[in-house]
Amino acid sequence: NYADSVKGRFTISRDNAKNLVYLQMNSL
């Protein structure tokens, strides 16, 4: 789920094996 202001620019992902979550932010 994304805020309207970041849709198409940000991507959230997770790696459960490594206990990590990421936020890729483009076109800042």
mmCIF file of all heavy atoms, coordinates in Angstrom:
data_MODEL
# 
_entry.id   MODEL 
# 
loop_
_atom_site.group_PDB 
_atom_site.id 
_atom_site.type_symbol 
_atom_site.label_atom_id 
_atom_site.label_alt_id 
_atom_site.label_comp_id 
_atom_site.label_asym_id 
_atom_site.label_entity_id 
_atom_site.label_seq_id 
_atom_site.pdbx_PDB_ins_code 
_atom_site.Cartn_x 
_atom_site.Cartn_y 
_atom_site.Cartn_z 
_atom_site.occupancy 
_atom_site.B_iso_or_equiv 
_atom_site.pdbx_formal_charge 
_atom_site.auth_seq_id 
_atom_site.auth_comp_id 
_atom_site.auth_asym_id 
_atom_site.auth_atom_id 
_atom_site.pdbx_PDB_model_num 
ATOM 1   N N   . ASN A 1 1  ? 0.869  -1.178  0.000   1.00 0.00 ? 1  ASN A N   1 
ATOM 2   C CA  . ASN A 1 1  ? 0.000  0.000   0.000   1.00 0.00 ? 1  ASN A CA  1 
ATOM 3   C C   . ASN A 1 1  ? 0.905  1.226   0.000   1.00 0.00 ? 1  ASN A C   1 
ATOM 4   O O   . ASN A 1 1  ? 1.931  1.238   0.693   1.00 0.00 ? 1  ASN A O   1 
ATOM 5   C CB  . ASN A 1 1  ? -0.888 -0.009  1.245   1.00 0.00 ? 1  ASN A CB  1 
ATOM 6   C CG  . ASN A 1 1  ? -1.805 1.191   1.305   1.00 0.00 ? 1  ASN A CG  1 
ATOM 7   O OD1 . ASN A 1 1  ? -2.533 1.469   0.371   1.00 0.00 ? 1  ASN A OD1 1 
ATOM 8   N ND2 . ASN A 1 1  ? -1.774 1.915   2.415   1.00 0.00 ? 1  ASN A ND2 1 
ATOM 9   N N   . TYR A 1 2  ? 0.510  2.245   -0.782  1.00 0.00 ? 2  TYR A N   1 
ATOM 10  C CA  . TYR A 1 2  ? 1.335  3.447   -0.904  1.00 0.00 ? 2  TYR A CA  1 
ATOM 11  C C   . TYR A 1 2  ? 0.508  4.710   -0.725  1.00 0.00 ? 2  TYR A C   1 
ATOM 12  O O   . TYR A 1 2  ? -0.657 4.765   -1.117  1.00 0.00 ? 2  TYR A O   1 
ATOM 13  C CB  . TYR A 1 2  ? 2.000  3.505   -2.288  1.00 0.00 ? 2  TYR A CB  1 
ATOM 14  C CG  . TYR A 1 2  ? 2.972  2.395   -2.558  1.00 0.00 ? 2  TYR A CG  1 
ATOM 15  C CD1 . TYR A 1 2  ? 2.568  1.223   -3.185  1.00 0.00 ? 2  TYR A CD1 1 
ATOM 16  C CD2 . TYR A 1 2  ? 4.309  2.508   -2.168  1.00 0.00 ? 2  TYR A CD2 1 
ATOM 17  C CE1 . TYR A 1 2  ? 3.466  0.189   -3.427  1.00 0.00 ? 2  TYR A CE1 1 
ATOM 18  C CE2 . TYR A 1 2  ? 5.213  1.482   -2.409  1.00 0.00 ? 2  TYR A CE2 1 
ATOM 19  C CZ  . TYR A 1 2  ? 4.772  0.329   -3.034  1.00 0.00 ? 2  TYR A CZ  1 
ATOM 20  O OH  . TYR A 1 2  ? 5.670  -0.688  -3.270  1.00 0.00 ? 2  TYR A OH  1 
ATOM 21  N N   . ALA A 1 3  ? 1.143  5.717   -0.177  1.00 0.00 ? 3  ALA A N   1 
ATOM 22  C CA  . ALA A 1 3  ? 0.538  7.037   -0.172  1.00 0.00 ? 3  ALA A CA  1 
ATOM 23  C C   . ALA A 1 3  ? 0.458  7.531   -1.617  1.00 0.00 ? 3  ALA A C   1 
ATOM 24  O O   . ALA A 1 3  ? 1.333  7.236   -2.439  1.00 0.00 ? 3  ALA A O   1 
ATOM 25  C CB  . ALA A 1 3  ? 1.375  7.995   0.668   1.00 0.00 ? 3  ALA A CB  1 
ATOM 26  N N   . ASP A 1 4  ? -0.580 8.296   -1.910  1.00 0.00 ? 4  ASP A N   1 
ATOM 27  C CA  . ASP A 1 4  ? -0.765 8.794   -3.271  1.00 0.00 ? 4  ASP A CA  1 
ATOM 28  C C   . ASP A 1 4  ? 0.445  9.603   -3.735  1.00 0.00 ? 4  ASP A C   1 
ATOM 29  O O   . ASP A 1 4  ? 0.808  9.571   -4.915  1.00 0.00 ? 4  ASP A O   1 
ATOM 30  C CB  . ASP A 1 4  ? -2.024 9.657   -3.354  1.00 0.00 ? 4  ASP A CB  1 
ATOM 31  C CG  . ASP A 1 4  ? -3.300 8.836   -3.280  1.00 0.00 ? 4  ASP A CG  1 
ATOM 32  O OD1 . ASP A 1 4  ? -3.233 7.605   -3.495  1.00 0.00 ? 4  ASP A OD1 1 
ATOM 33  O OD2 . ASP A 1 4  ? -4.361 9.423   -3.015  1.00 0.00 ? 4  ASP A OD2 1 
ATOM 34  N N   . SER A 1 5  ? 1.071  10.297  -2.816  1.00 0.00 ? 5  SER A N   1 
ATOM 35  C CA  . SER A 1 5  ? 2.169  11.189  -3.167  1.00 0.00 ? 5  SER A CA  1 
ATOM 36  C C   . SER A 1 5  ? 3.426  10.451  -3.622  1.00 0.00 ? 5  SER A C   1 
ATOM 37  O O   . SER A 1 5  ? 4.313  11.062  -4.223  1.00 0.00 ? 5  SER A O   1 
ATOM 38  C CB  . SER A 1 5  ? 2.517  12.088  -1.982  1.00 0.00 ? 5  SER A CB  1 
ATOM 39  O OG  . SER A 1 5  ? 2.888  11.307  -0.859  1.00 0.00 ? 5  SER A OG  1 
ATOM 40  N N   . VAL A 1 6  ? 3.510  9.152   -3.350  1.00 0.00 ? 6  VAL A N   1 
ATOM 41  C CA  . VAL A 1 6  ? 4.720  8.405   -3.716  1.00 0.00 ? 6  VAL A CA  1 
ATOM 42  C C   . VAL A 1 6  ? 4.451  7.283   -4.702  1.00 0.00 ? 6  VAL A C   1 
ATOM 43  O O   . VAL A 1 6  ? 5.392  6.613   -5.158  1.00 0.00 ? 6  VAL A O   1 
ATOM 44  C CB  . VAL A 1 6  ? 5.426  7.832   -2.468  1.00 0.00 ? 6  VAL A CB  1 
ATOM 45  C CG1 . VAL A 1 6  ? 5.688  8.935   -1.451  1.00 0.00 ? 6  VAL A CG1 1 
ATOM 46  C CG2 . VAL A 1 6  ? 4.636  6.683   -1.852  1.00 0.00 ? 6  VAL A CG2 1 
ATOM 47  N N   . LYS A 1 7  ? 3.201  7.070   -5.055  1.00 0.00 ? 7  LYS A N   1 
ATOM 48  C CA  . LYS A 1 7  ? 2.875  5.995   -6.000  1.00 0.00 ? 7  LYS A CA  1 
ATOM 49  C C   . LYS A 1 7  ? 3.618  6.184   -7.315  1.00 0.00 ? 7  LYS A C   1 
ATOM 50  O O   . LYS A 1 7  ? 3.656  7.285   -7.865  1.00 0.00 ? 7  LYS A O   1 
ATOM 51  C CB  . LYS A 1 7  ? 1.364  5.956   -6.250  1.00 0.00 ? 7  LYS A CB  1 
ATOM 52  C CG  . LYS A 1 7  ? 0.571  5.305   -5.145  1.00 0.00 ? 7  LYS A CG  1 
ATOM 53  C CD  . LYS A 1 7  ? -0.916 5.284   -5.470  1.00 0.00 ? 7  LYS A CD  1 
ATOM 54  C CE  . LYS A 1 7  ? -1.708 4.643   -4.338  1.00 0.00 ? 7  LYS A CE  1 
ATOM 55  N NZ  . LYS A 1 7  ? -3.177 4.690   -4.582  1.00 0.00 ? 7  LYS A NZ  1 
ATOM 56  N N   . GLY A 1 8  ? 4.192  5.099   -7.791  1.00 0.00 ? 8  GLY A N   1 
ATOM 57  C CA  . GLY A 1 8  ? 4.945  5.147   -9.038  1.00 0.00 ? 8  GLY A CA  1 
ATOM 58  C C   . GLY A 1 8  ? 6.382  5.575   -8.871  1.00 0.00 ? 8  GLY A C   1 
ATOM 59  O O   . GLY A 1 8  ? 7.178  5.469   -9.815  1.00 0.00 ? 8  GLY A O   1 
ATOM 60  N N   . ARG A 1 9  ? 6.749  6.060   -7.686  1.00 0.00 ? 9  ARG A N   1 
ATOM 61  C CA  . ARG A 1 9  ? 8.131  6.508   -7.444  1.00 0.00 ? 9  ARG A CA  1 
ATOM 62  C C   . ARG A 1 9  ? 8.827  5.654   -6.391  1.00 0.00 ? 9  ARG A C   1 
ATOM 63  O O   . ARG A 1 9  ? 10.027 5.433   -6.470  1.00 0.00 ? 9  ARG A O   1 
ATOM 64  C CB  . ARG A 1 9  ? 8.147  7.970   -6.989  1.00 0.00 ? 9  ARG A CB  1 
ATOM 65  C CG  . ARG A 1 9  ? 7.555  8.933   -7.989  1.00 0.00 ? 9  ARG A CG  1 
ATOM 66  C CD  . ARG A 1 9  ? 7.788  10.387  -7.562  1.00 0.00 ? 9  ARG A CD  1 
ATOM 67  N NE  . ARG A 1 9  ? 7.151  10.723  -6.296  1.00 0.00 ? 9  ARG A NE  1 
ATOM 68  C CZ  . ARG A 1 9  ? 7.795  11.193  -5.231  1.00 0.00 ? 9  ARG A CZ  1 
ATOM 69  N NH1 . ARG A 1 9  ? 9.094  11.399  -5.269  1.00 0.00 ? 9  ARG A NH1 1 
ATOM 70  N NH2 . ARG A 1 9  ? 7.133  11.490  -4.117  1.00 0.00 ? 9  ARG A NH2 1 
ATOM 71  N N   . PHE A 1 10 ? 8.078  5.212   -5.396  1.00 0.00 ? 10 PHE A N   1 
ATOM 72  C CA  . PHE A 1 10 ? 8.651  4.433   -4.288  1.00 0.00 ? 10 PHE A CA  1 
ATOM 73  C C   . PHE A 1 10 ? 8.187  2.985   -4.371  1.00 0.00 ? 10 PHE A C   1 
ATOM 74  O O   . PHE A 1 10 ? 7.065  2.707   -4.806  1.00 0.00 ? 10 PHE A O   1 
ATOM 75  C CB  . PHE A 1 10 ? 8.203  4.999   -2.942  1.00 0.00 ? 10 PHE A CB  1 
ATOM 76  C CG  . PHE A 1 10 ? 8.764  6.348   -2.583  1.00 0.00 ? 10 PHE A CG  1 
ATOM 77  C CD1 . PHE A 1 10 ? 9.466  7.125   -3.493  1.00 0.00 ? 10 PHE A CD1 1 
ATOM 78  C CD2 . PHE A 1 10 ? 8.588  6.847   -1.288  1.00 0.00 ? 10 PHE A CD2 1 
ATOM 79  C CE1 . PHE A 1 10 ? 9.979  8.362   -3.154  1.00 0.00 ? 10 PHE A CE1 1 
ATOM 80  C CE2 . PHE A 1 10 ? 9.097  8.076   -0.927  1.00 0.00 ? 10 PHE A CE2 1 
ATOM 81  C CZ  . PHE A 1 10 ? 9.775  8.841   -1.861  1.00 0.00 ? 10 PHE A CZ  1 
ATOM 82  N N   . THR A 1 11 ? 9.045  2.079   -3.917  1.00 0.00 ? 11 THR A N   1 
ATOM 83  C CA  . THR A 1 11 ? 8.703  0.666   -3.867  1.00 0.00 ? 11 THR A CA  1 
ATOM 84  C C   . THR A 1 11 ? 9.150  0.086   -2.532  1.00 0.00 ? 11 THR A C   1 
ATOM 85  O O   . THR A 1 11 ? 10.314 0.216   -2.151  1.00 0.00 ? 11 THR A O   1 
ATOM 86  C CB  . THR A 1 11 ? 9.381  -0.110  -5.001  1.00 0.00 ? 11 THR A CB  1 
ATOM 87  O OG1 . THR A 1 11 ? 8.999  0.443   -6.265  1.00 0.00 ? 11 THR A OG1 1 
ATOM 88  C CG2 . THR A 1 11 ? 8.965  -1.578  -4.964  1.00 0.00 ? 11 THR A CG2 1 
ATOM 89  N N   . ILE A 1 12 ? 8.219  -0.552  -1.837  1.00 0.00 ? 12 ILE A N   1 
ATOM 90  C CA  . ILE A 1 12 ? 8.543  -1.223  -0.580  1.00 0.00 ? 12 ILE A CA  1 
ATOM 91  C C   . ILE A 1 12 ? 8.684  -2.717  -0.860  1.00 0.00 ? 12 ILE A C   1 
ATOM 92  O O   . ILE A 1 12 ? 7.953  -3.287  -1.679  1.00 0.00 ? 12 ILE A O   1 
ATOM 93  C CB  . ILE A 1 12 ? 7.464  -0.962  0.491   1.00 0.00 ? 12 ILE A CB  1 
ATOM 94  C CG1 . ILE A 1 12 ? 7.916  -1.495  1.855   1.00 0.00 ? 12 ILE A CG1 1 
ATOM 95  C CG2 . ILE A 1 12 ? 6.118  -1.539  0.090   1.00 0.00 ? 12 ILE A CG2 1 
ATOM 96  C CD1 . ILE A 1 12 ? 7.007  -1.068  3.009   1.00 0.00 ? 12 ILE A CD1 1 
ATOM 97  N N   . SER A 1 13 ? 9.648  -3.341  -0.190  1.00 0.00 ? 13 SER A N   1 
ATOM 98  C CA  . SER A 1 13 ? 9.848  -4.773  -0.327  1.00 0.00 ? 13 SER A CA  1 
ATOM 99  C C   . SER A 1 13 ? 10.393 -5.329  0.980   1.00 0.00 ? 13 SER A C   1 
ATOM 100 O O   . SER A 1 13 ? 10.839 -4.570  1.843   1.00 0.00 ? 13 SER A O   1 
ATOM 101 C CB  . SER A 1 13 ? 10.795 -5.087  -1.479  1.00 0.00 ? 13 SER A CB  1 
ATOM 102 O OG  . SER A 1 13 ? 12.064 -4.511  -1.266  1.00 0.00 ? 13 SER A OG  1 
ATOM 103 N N   . ARG A 1 14 ? 10.347 -6.643  1.115   1.00 0.00 ? 14 ARG A N   1 
ATOM 104 C CA  . ARG A 1 14 ? 10.848 -7.261  2.330   1.00 0.00 ? 14 ARG A CA  1 
ATOM 105 C C   . ARG A 1 14 ? 11.565 -8.560  1.998   1.00 0.00 ? 14 ARG A C   1 
ATOM 106 O O   . ARG A 1 14 ? 11.242 -9.223  1.009   1.00 0.00 ? 14 ARG A O   1 
ATOM 107 C CB  . ARG A 1 14 ? 9.703  -7.512  3.319   1.00 0.00 ? 14 ARG A CB  1 
ATOM 108 C CG  . ARG A 1 14 ? 8.667  -8.522  2.868   1.00 0.00 ? 14 ARG A CG  1 
ATOM 109 C CD  . ARG A 1 14 ? 7.448  -8.523  3.805   1.00 0.00 ? 14 ARG A CD  1 
ATOM 110 N NE  . ARG A 1 14 ? 7.783  -8.903  5.156   1.00 0.00 ? 14 ARG A NE  1 
ATOM 111 C CZ  . ARG A 1 14 ? 6.987  -8.666  6.214   1.00 0.00 ? 14 ARG A CZ  1 
ATOM 112 N NH1 . ARG A 1 14 ? 5.820  -8.042  6.042   1.00 0.00 ? 14 ARG A NH1 1 
ATOM 113 N NH2 . ARG A 1 14 ? 7.347  -9.052  7.422   1.00 0.00 ? 14 ARG A NH2 1 
ATOM 114 N N   . ASP A 1 15 ? 12.520 -8.909  2.851   1.00 0.00 ? 15 ASP A N   1 
ATOM 115 C CA  . ASP A 1 15 ? 13.255 -10.161 2.756   1.00 0.00 ? 15 ASP A CA  1 
ATOM 116 C C   . ASP A 1 15 ? 13.104 -10.850 4.097   1.00 0.00 ? 15 ASP A C   1 
ATOM 117 O O   . ASP A 1 15 ? 13.817 -10.527 5.050   1.00 0.00 ? 15 ASP A O   1 
ATOM 118 C CB  . ASP A 1 15 ? 14.716 -9.892  2.419   1.00 0.00 ? 15 ASP A CB  1 
ATOM 119 C CG  . ASP A 1 15 ? 15.512 -11.162 2.190   1.00 0.00 ? 15 ASP A CG  1 
ATOM 120 O OD1 . ASP A 1 15 ? 15.103 -12.231 2.689   1.00 0.00 ? 15 ASP A OD1 1 
ATOM 121 O OD2 . ASP A 1 15 ? 16.564 -11.092 1.536   1.00 0.00 ? 15 ASP A OD2 1 
ATOM 122 N N   . ASN A 1 16 ? 12.166 -11.773 4.174   1.00 0.00 ? 16 ASN A N   1 
ATOM 123 C CA  . ASN A 1 16 ? 11.883 -12.409 5.464   1.00 0.00 ? 16 ASN A CA  1 
ATOM 124 C C   . ASN A 1 16 ? 13.030 -13.298 5.945   1.00 0.00 ? 16 ASN A C   1 
ATOM 125 O O   . ASN A 1 16 ? 13.199 -13.495 7.149   1.00 0.00 ? 16 ASN A O   1 
ATOM 126 C CB  . ASN A 1 16 ? 10.599 -13.230 5.360   1.00 0.00 ? 16 ASN A CB  1 
ATOM 127 C CG  . ASN A 1 16 ? 9.359  -12.363 5.265   1.00 0.00 ? 16 ASN A CG  1 
ATOM 128 O OD1 . ASN A 1 16 ? 9.348  -11.218 5.709   1.00 0.00 ? 16 ASN A OD1 1 
ATOM 129 N ND2 . ASN A 1 16 ? 8.316  -12.904 4.655   1.00 0.00 ? 16 ASN A ND2 1 
ATOM 130 N N   . ALA A 1 17 ? 13.811 -13.814 5.029   1.00 0.00 ? 17 ALA A N   1 
ATOM 131 C CA  . ALA A 1 17 ? 14.934 -14.661 5.422   1.00 0.00 ? 17 ALA A CA  1 
ATOM 132 C C   . ALA A 1 17 ? 16.017 -13.852 6.136   1.00 0.00 ? 17 ALA A C   1 
ATOM 133 O O   . ALA A 1 17 ? 16.756 -14.384 6.974   1.00 0.00 ? 17 ALA A O   1 
ATOM 134 C CB  . ALA A 1 17 ? 15.520 -15.360 4.204   1.00 0.00 ? 17 ALA A CB  1 
ATOM 135 N N   . LYS A 1 18 ? 16.098 -12.559 5.800   1.00 0.00 ? 18 LYS A N   1 
ATOM 136 C CA  . LYS A 1 18 ? 17.133 -11.702 6.391   1.00 0.00 ? 18 LYS A CA  1 
ATOM 137 C C   . LYS A 1 18 ? 16.570 -10.687 7.384   1.00 0.00 ? 18 LYS A C   1 
ATOM 138 O O   . LYS A 1 18 ? 17.327 -9.867  7.914   1.00 0.00 ? 18 LYS A O   1 
ATOM 139 C CB  . LYS A 1 18 ? 17.879 -10.959 5.277   1.00 0.00 ? 18 LYS A CB  1 
ATOM 140 C CG  . LYS A 1 18 ? 18.637 -11.872 4.326   1.00 0.00 ? 18 LYS A CG  1 
ATOM 141 C CD  . LYS A 1 18 ? 19.372 -11.070 3.271   1.00 0.00 ? 18 LYS A CD  1 
ATOM 142 C CE  . LYS A 1 18 ? 20.158 -11.978 2.340   1.00 0.00 ? 18 LYS A CE  1 
ATOM 143 N NZ  . LYS A 1 18 ? 20.878 -11.204 1.283   1.00 0.00 ? 18 LYS A NZ  1 
ATOM 144 N N   . ASN A 1 19 ? 15.275 -10.738 7.629   1.00 0.00 ? 19 ASN A N   1 
ATOM 145 C CA  . ASN A 1 19 ? 14.632 -9.773  8.540   1.00 0.00 ? 19 ASN A CA  1 
ATOM 146 C C   . ASN A 1 19 ? 14.876 -8.330  8.097   1.00 0.00 ? 19 ASN A C   1 
ATOM 147 O O   . ASN A 1 19 ? 15.223 -7.464  8.908   1.00 0.00 ? 19 ASN A O   1 
ATOM 148 C CB  . ASN A 1 19 ? 15.122 -9.961  9.981   1.00 0.00 ? 19 ASN A CB  1 
ATOM 149 C CG  . ASN A 1 19 ? 14.468 -11.144 10.675  1.00 0.00 ? 19 ASN A CG  1 
ATOM 150 O OD1 . ASN A 1 19 ? 13.907 -12.026 10.014  1.00 0.00 ? 19 ASN A OD1 1 
ATOM 151 N ND2 . ASN A 1 19 ? 14.534 -11.180 11.980  1.00 0.00 ? 19 ASN A ND2 1 
ATOM 152 N N   . LEU A 1 20 ? 14.698 -8.085  6.809   1.00 0.00 ? 20 LEU A N   1 
ATOM 153 C CA  . LEU A 1 20 ? 14.928 -6.756  6.272   1.00 0.00 ? 20 LEU A CA  1 
ATOM 154 C C   . LEU A 1 20 ? 13.705 -6.261  5.504   1.00 0.00 ? 20 LEU A C   1 
ATOM 155 O O   . LEU A 1 20 ? 13.004 -7.046  4.850   1.00 0.00 ? 20 LEU A O   1 
ATOM 156 C CB  . LEU A 1 20 ? 16.130 -6.756  5.322   1.00 0.00 ? 20 LEU A CB  1 
ATOM 157 C CG  . LEU A 1 20 ? 17.506 -6.937  5.949   1.00 0.00 ? 20 LEU A CG  1 
ATOM 158 C CD1 . LEU A 1 20 ? 18.546 -7.217  4.875   1.00 0.00 ? 20 LEU A CD1 1 
ATOM 159 C CD2 . LEU A 1 20 ? 17.897 -5.701  6.747   1.00 0.00 ? 20 LEU A CD2 1 
ATOM 160 N N   . VAL A 1 21 ? 13.493 -4.956  5.564   1.00 0.00 ? 21 VAL A N   1 
ATOM 161 C CA  . VAL A 1 21 ? 12.499 -4.311  4.726   1.00 0.00 ? 21 VAL A CA  1 
ATOM 162 C C   . VAL A 1 21 ? 13.171 -3.110  4.072   1.00 0.00 ? 21 VAL A C   1 
ATOM 163 O O   . VAL A 1 21 ? 14.005 -2.451  4.692   1.00 0.00 ? 21 VAL A O   1 
ATOM 164 C CB  . VAL A 1 21 ? 11.249 -3.912  5.527   1.00 0.00 ? 21 VAL A CB  1 
ATOM 165 C CG1 . VAL A 1 21 ? 11.570 -2.919  6.622   1.00 0.00 ? 21 VAL A CG1 1 
ATOM 166 C CG2 . VAL A 1 21 ? 10.166 -3.370  4.613   1.00 0.00 ? 21 VAL A CG2 1 
ATOM 167 N N   . TYR A 1 22 ? 12.827 -2.852  2.820   1.00 0.00 ? 22 TYR A N   1 
ATOM 168 C CA  . TYR A 1 22 ? 13.461 -1.810  2.036   1.00 0.00 ? 22 TYR A CA  1 
ATOM 169 C C   . TYR A 1 22 ? 12.432 -0.804  1.537   1.00 0.00 ? 22 TYR A C   1 
ATOM 170 O O   . TYR A 1 22 ? 11.250 -1.119  1.368   1.00 0.00 ? 22 TYR A O   1 
ATOM 171 C CB  . TYR A 1 22 ? 14.161 -2.411  0.810   1.00 0.00 ? 22 TYR A CB  1 
ATOM 172 C CG  . TYR A 1 22 ? 15.177 -3.476  1.130   1.00 0.00 ? 22 TYR A CG  1 
ATOM 173 C CD1 . TYR A 1 22 ? 14.864 -4.828  0.965   1.00 0.00 ? 22 TYR A CD1 1 
ATOM 174 C CD2 . TYR A 1 22 ? 16.440 -3.140  1.584   1.00 0.00 ? 22 TYR A CD2 1 
ATOM 175 C CE1 . TYR A 1 22 ? 15.796 -5.814  1.239   1.00 0.00 ? 22 TYR A CE1 1 
ATOM 176 C CE2 . TYR A 1 22 ? 17.385 -4.126  1.860   1.00 0.00 ? 22 TYR A CE2 1 
ATOM 177 C CZ  . TYR A 1 22 ? 17.043 -5.459  1.690   1.00 0.00 ? 22 TYR A CZ  1 
ATOM 178 O OH  . TYR A 1 22 ? 17.973 -6.430  1.970   1.00 0.00 ? 22 TYR A OH  1 
ATOM 179 N N   . LEU A 1 23 ? 12.922 0.391   1.278   1.00 0.00 ? 23 LEU A N   1 
ATOM 180 C CA  . LEU A 1 23 ? 12.128 1.392   0.580   1.00 0.00 ? 23 LEU A CA  1 
ATOM 181 C C   . LEU A 1 23 ? 13.008 1.983   -0.519  1.00 0.00 ? 23 LEU A C   1 
ATOM 182 O O   . LEU A 1 23 ? 13.936 2.726   -0.222  1.00 0.00 ? 23 LEU A O   1 
ATOM 183 C CB  . LEU A 1 23 ? 11.634 2.488   1.515   1.00 0.00 ? 23 LEU A CB  1 
ATOM 184 C CG  . LEU A 1 23 ? 10.691 3.507   0.872   1.00 0.00 ? 23 LEU A CG  1 
ATOM 185 C CD1 . LEU A 1 23 ? 9.355  2.840   0.501   1.00 0.00 ? 23 LEU A CD1 1 
ATOM 186 C CD2 . LEU A 1 23 ? 10.446 4.695   1.796   1.00 0.00 ? 23 LEU A CD2 1 
ATOM 187 N N   . GLN A 1 24 ? 12.716 1.610   -1.749  1.00 0.00 ? 24 GLN A N   1 
ATOM 188 C CA  . GLN A 1 24 ? 13.419 2.176   -2.891  1.00 0.00 ? 24 GLN A CA  1 
ATOM 189 C C   . GLN A 1 24 ? 12.701 3.447   -3.301  1.00 0.00 ? 24 GLN A C   1 
ATOM 190 O O   . GLN A 1 24 ? 11.497 3.423   -3.592  1.00 0.00 ? 24 GLN A O   1 
ATOM 191 C CB  . GLN A 1 24 ? 13.436 1.181   -4.053  1.00 0.00 ? 24 GLN A CB  1 
ATOM 192 C CG  . GLN A 1 24 ? 14.103 1.707   -5.307  1.00 0.00 ? 24 GLN A CG  1 
ATOM 193 C CD  . GLN A 1 24 ? 15.585 1.961   -5.132  1.00 0.00 ? 24 GLN A CD  1 
ATOM 194 O OE1 . GLN A 1 24 ? 16.299 1.150   -4.540  1.00 0.00 ? 24 GLN A OE1 1 
ATOM 195 N NE2 . GLN A 1 24 ? 16.063 3.087   -5.638  1.00 0.00 ? 24 GLN A NE2 1 
ATOM 196 N N   . MET A 1 25 ? 13.432 4.549   -3.301  1.00 0.00 ? 25 MET A N   1 
ATOM 197 C CA  . MET A 1 25 ? 12.838 5.851   -3.600  1.00 0.00 ? 25 MET A CA  1 
ATOM 198 C C   . MET A 1 25 ? 13.495 6.419   -4.845  1.00 0.00 ? 25 MET A C   1 
ATOM 199 O O   . MET A 1 25 ? 14.715 6.655   -4.855  1.00 0.00 ? 25 MET A O   1 
ATOM 200 C CB  . MET A 1 25 ? 13.038 6.799   -2.418  1.00 0.00 ? 25 MET A CB  1 
ATOM 201 C CG  . MET A 1 25 ? 12.501 6.247   -1.107  1.00 0.00 ? 25 MET A CG  1 
ATOM 202 S SD  . MET A 1 25 ? 12.568 7.433   0.243   1.00 0.00 ? 25 MET A SD  1 
ATOM 203 C CE  . MET A 1 25 ? 14.343 7.606   0.438   1.00 0.00 ? 25 MET A CE  1 
ATOM 204 N N   . ASN A 1 26 ? 12.713 6.624   -5.875  1.00 0.00 ? 26 ASN A N   1 
ATOM 205 C CA  . ASN A 1 26 ? 13.193 7.181   -7.127  1.00 0.00 ? 26 ASN A CA  1 
ATOM 206 C C   . ASN A 1 26 ? 12.514 8.518   -7.398  1.00 0.00 ? 26 ASN A C   1 
ATOM 207 O O   . ASN A 1 26 ? 11.490 8.840   -6.801  1.00 0.00 ? 26 ASN A O   1 
ATOM 208 C CB  . ASN A 1 26 ? 12.909 6.217   -8.282  1.00 0.00 ? 26 ASN A CB  1 
ATOM 209 C CG  . ASN A 1 26 ? 13.597 4.887   -8.119  1.00 0.00 ? 26 ASN A CG  1 
ATOM 210 O OD1 . ASN A 1 26 ? 14.704 4.799   -7.571  1.00 0.00 ? 26 ASN A OD1 1 
ATOM 211 N ND2 . ASN A 1 26 ? 12.964 3.816   -8.580  1.00 0.00 ? 26 ASN A ND2 1 
ATOM 212 N N   . SER A 1 27 ? 13.087 9.271   -8.320  1.00 0.00 ? 27 SER A N   1 
ATOM 213 C CA  . SER A 1 27 ? 12.520 10.572  -8.706  1.00 0.00 ? 27 SER A CA  1 
ATOM 214 C C   . SER A 1 27 ? 12.192 11.418  -7.485  1.00 0.00 ? 27 SER A C   1 
ATOM 215 O O   . SER A 1 27 ? 11.095 11.973  -7.368  1.00 0.00 ? 27 SER A O   1 
ATOM 216 C CB  . SER A 1 27 ? 11.258 10.356  -9.559  1.00 0.00 ? 27 SER A CB  1 
ATOM 217 O OG  . SER A 1 27 ? 11.542 9.587   -10.698 1.00 0.00 ? 27 SER A OG  1 
ATOM 218 N N   . LEU A 1 28 ? 13.142 11.513  -6.589  1.00 0.00 ? 28 LEU A N   1 
ATOM 219 C CA  . LEU A 1 28 ? 12.911 12.222  -5.337  1.00 0.00 ? 28 LEU A CA  1 
ATOM 220 C C   . LEU A 1 28 ? 12.666 13.698  -5.561  1.00 0.00 ? 28 LEU A C   1 
ATOM 221 O O   . LEU A 1 28 ? 13.246 14.318  -6.460  1.00 0.00 ? 28 LEU A O   1 
ATOM 222 C CB  . LEU A 1 28 ? 14.087 12.010  -4.396  1.00 0.00 ? 28 LEU A CB  1 
ATOM 223 C CG  . LEU A 1 28 ? 14.087 10.636  -3.708  1.00 0.00 ? 28 LEU A CG  1 
ATOM 224 C CD1 . LEU A 1 28 ? 15.473 10.297  -3.181  1.00 0.00 ? 28 LEU A CD1 1 
ATOM 225 C CD2 . LEU A 1 28 ? 13.060 10.607  -2.587  1.00 0.00 ? 28 LEU A CD2 1 
# 
